[in-house]
């Protein structure tokens, strides 16, 4: 017999707890509303930044 399909889980980006990746989890990929809000606060406080490489100044050649 075939095994029943298991629900996929993902690691919460905030606390790393495993949470289901399904429509039953309204906060996915987060495990809870708290973790979702912690992440949103980090974005609002500019805690996430992409590295920027400063282009060379054309006058410095």
N, C-alpha and C. Protein backbone atom coordinates (compact mmCIF):
# COMPACT_ATOMS: atom_id res chain seq x y z
N UNK A 1 0.83 -1.20 0.00
CA UNK A 1 0.00 0.00 0.00
C UNK A 1 0.87 1.25 0.00
N UNK A 2 0.31 2.32 -0.55
CA UNK A 2 1.02 3.59 -0.56
C UNK A 2 0.94 4.23 0.81
N UNK A 3 2.03 4.92 1.16
CA UNK A 3 2.02 5.66 2.42
C UNK A 3 1.16 6.90 2.26
N UNK A 4 0.43 7.32 3.31
CA UNK A 4 -0.33 8.56 3.20
C UNK A 4 0.62 9.74 3.03
N UNK A 5 0.19 10.70 2.25
CA UNK A 5 1.03 11.88 2.01
C UNK A 5 1.22 12.64 3.31
N UNK A 6 2.48 12.90 3.63
CA UNK A 6 2.74 13.67 4.85
C UNK A 6 2.74 15.15 4.50
N UNK A 7 2.38 15.94 5.45
CA UNK A 7 2.37 17.39 5.23
C UNK A 7 3.79 17.91 5.30
N UNK A 8 4.16 18.72 4.34
CA UNK A 8 5.51 19.29 4.39
C UNK A 8 5.61 20.30 5.54
N UNK A 9 6.78 20.36 6.12
CA UNK A 9 7.03 21.35 7.17
C UNK A 9 8.22 22.20 6.76
N UNK A 10 8.26 23.40 7.30
CA UNK A 10 9.36 24.33 7.04
C UNK A 10 9.85 24.88 8.37
N UNK A 11 11.09 25.33 8.38
CA UNK A 11 11.64 25.95 9.58
C UNK A 11 11.19 27.41 9.62
N UNK A 12 10.69 27.83 10.76
CA UNK A 12 10.27 29.22 10.94
C UNK A 12 11.50 30.12 10.77
N UNK A 13 11.43 31.16 9.93
CA UNK A 13 12.58 32.04 9.73
C UNK A 13 13.02 32.78 10.99
N UNK A 14 12.12 32.91 11.97
CA UNK A 14 12.45 33.66 13.17
C UNK A 14 13.04 32.78 14.26
N UNK A 15 12.37 31.65 14.57
CA UNK A 15 12.80 30.82 15.71
C UNK A 15 13.26 29.43 15.32
N UNK A 16 13.16 29.06 14.05
CA UNK A 16 13.58 27.76 13.51
C UNK A 16 12.70 26.59 13.92
N UNK A 17 11.57 26.84 14.59
CA UNK A 17 10.64 25.75 14.92
C UNK A 17 10.03 25.23 13.63
N UNK A 18 9.74 23.96 13.58
CA UNK A 18 9.11 23.37 12.40
C UNK A 18 7.63 23.70 12.42
N UNK A 19 7.09 24.13 11.29
CA UNK A 19 5.67 24.44 11.20
C UNK A 19 5.15 23.92 9.87
N UNK A 20 3.86 23.57 9.83
CA UNK A 20 3.31 23.00 8.59
C UNK A 20 3.20 24.03 7.48
N UNK A 21 3.52 23.59 6.28
CA UNK A 21 3.35 24.44 5.10
C UNK A 21 2.02 24.05 4.48
N UNK A 22 0.95 24.66 5.00
CA UNK A 22 -0.38 24.36 4.48
C UNK A 22 -1.28 25.56 4.72
N UNK A 23 -2.43 25.51 4.10
CA UNK A 23 -3.39 26.61 4.28
C UNK A 23 -3.96 26.63 5.70
N UNK A 24 -3.71 25.58 6.46
CA UNK A 24 -4.15 25.55 7.87
C UNK A 24 -3.30 26.47 8.75
N UNK A 25 -2.13 26.84 8.27
CA UNK A 25 -1.23 27.71 9.03
C UNK A 25 -1.32 29.13 8.44
N UNK A 26 -2.09 30.01 9.07
CA UNK A 26 -2.27 31.36 8.50
C UNK A 26 -1.01 32.22 8.54
N UNK A 27 0.02 31.80 9.26
CA UNK A 27 1.24 32.62 9.40
C UNK A 27 2.40 32.07 8.59
N UNK A 28 2.16 31.05 7.77
CA UNK A 28 3.28 30.43 7.06
C UNK A 28 4.09 31.45 6.30
N UNK A 29 5.36 31.40 6.25
CA UNK A 29 6.23 30.33 6.71
C UNK A 29 6.58 30.40 8.19
N UNK A 30 5.99 31.33 8.91
CA UNK A 30 6.27 31.47 10.34
C UNK A 30 5.44 30.47 11.13
N UNK A 31 5.86 30.20 12.36
CA UNK A 31 5.14 29.24 13.18
C UNK A 31 4.01 29.89 13.97
N UNK A 32 4.05 31.21 14.13
CA UNK A 32 3.03 31.89 14.93
C UNK A 32 2.94 33.36 14.51
N UNK A 33 1.90 34.00 15.00
CA UNK A 33 1.72 35.42 14.73
C UNK A 33 2.86 36.21 15.37
N UNK A 34 3.32 35.78 16.54
CA UNK A 34 4.41 36.47 17.23
C UNK A 34 5.67 36.50 16.36
N UNK A 35 6.05 35.34 15.80
CA UNK A 35 7.25 35.28 14.96
C UNK A 35 7.08 36.13 13.71
N UNK A 36 5.88 36.14 13.15
CA UNK A 36 5.62 36.98 11.98
C UNK A 36 5.82 38.45 12.32
N UNK A 37 5.33 38.87 13.48
CA UNK A 37 5.46 40.27 13.90
C UNK A 37 6.89 40.63 14.25
N UNK A 38 7.65 39.70 14.82
CA UNK A 38 9.06 39.95 15.11
C UNK A 38 9.80 40.22 13.80
N UNK A 39 9.53 39.42 12.77
CA UNK A 39 10.17 39.61 11.47
C UNK A 39 9.75 40.93 10.84
N UNK A 40 8.48 41.26 10.92
CA UNK A 40 7.99 42.53 10.37
C UNK A 40 8.67 43.71 11.08
N UNK A 41 8.83 43.62 12.40
CA UNK A 41 9.52 44.67 13.15
C UNK A 41 10.97 44.82 12.72
N UNK A 42 11.62 43.70 12.42
CA UNK A 42 13.02 43.76 11.97
C UNK A 42 13.11 44.49 10.63
N UNK A 43 12.17 44.22 9.73
CA UNK A 43 12.15 44.94 8.44
C UNK A 43 11.90 46.43 8.67
N UNK A 44 10.97 46.75 9.56
CA UNK A 44 10.63 48.15 9.82
C UNK A 44 11.80 48.91 10.44
N UNK A 45 12.65 48.20 11.18
CA UNK A 45 13.81 48.83 11.82
C UNK A 45 15.07 48.77 10.95
N UNK A 46 14.91 48.39 9.68
CA UNK A 46 16.05 48.28 8.75
C UNK A 46 17.13 47.33 9.24
N UNK A 47 16.73 46.25 9.91
CA UNK A 47 17.70 45.27 10.38
C UNK A 47 18.15 44.33 9.26
N UNK A 48 17.40 44.27 8.18
CA UNK A 48 17.77 43.45 7.03
C UNK A 48 18.29 44.38 5.95
N UNK A 49 19.51 44.15 5.53
CA UNK A 49 20.10 44.97 4.49
C UNK A 49 20.85 44.08 3.51
N UNK A 50 20.81 44.45 2.26
CA UNK A 50 21.59 43.76 1.25
C UNK A 50 22.96 44.41 1.17
N UNK A 51 24.00 43.60 1.02
CA UNK A 51 25.33 44.19 0.90
C UNK A 51 25.40 45.01 -0.39
N UNK A 52 26.00 46.16 -0.29
CA UNK A 52 26.12 47.05 -1.44
C UNK A 52 27.59 47.29 -1.70
N UNK A 53 27.98 47.03 -2.92
CA UNK A 53 29.35 47.31 -3.31
C UNK A 53 29.38 48.68 -3.97
N UNK A 54 30.14 49.60 -3.43
CA UNK A 54 30.20 50.94 -3.96
C UNK A 54 30.97 50.93 -5.28
N UNK A 55 30.36 51.45 -6.33
CA UNK A 55 31.07 51.47 -7.62
C UNK A 55 32.25 52.44 -7.55
N UNK A 56 33.30 52.16 -8.30
CA UNK A 56 34.47 53.07 -8.28
C UNK A 56 34.08 54.45 -8.82
N UNK A 57 34.69 55.45 -8.24
CA UNK A 57 34.47 56.83 -8.68
C UNK A 57 35.19 57.03 -10.00
N UNK A 58 34.49 57.48 -11.05
CA UNK A 58 35.13 57.66 -12.35
C UNK A 58 36.31 58.62 -12.31
N UNK A 59 36.36 59.54 -11.39
CA UNK A 59 37.45 60.51 -11.31
C UNK A 59 38.68 59.97 -10.59
N UNK A 60 38.60 58.76 -10.01
CA UNK A 60 39.73 58.20 -9.25
C UNK A 60 40.63 57.30 -10.08
N UNK A 61 40.41 57.17 -11.33
CA UNK A 61 41.18 56.23 -12.17
C UNK A 61 42.59 56.64 -12.25
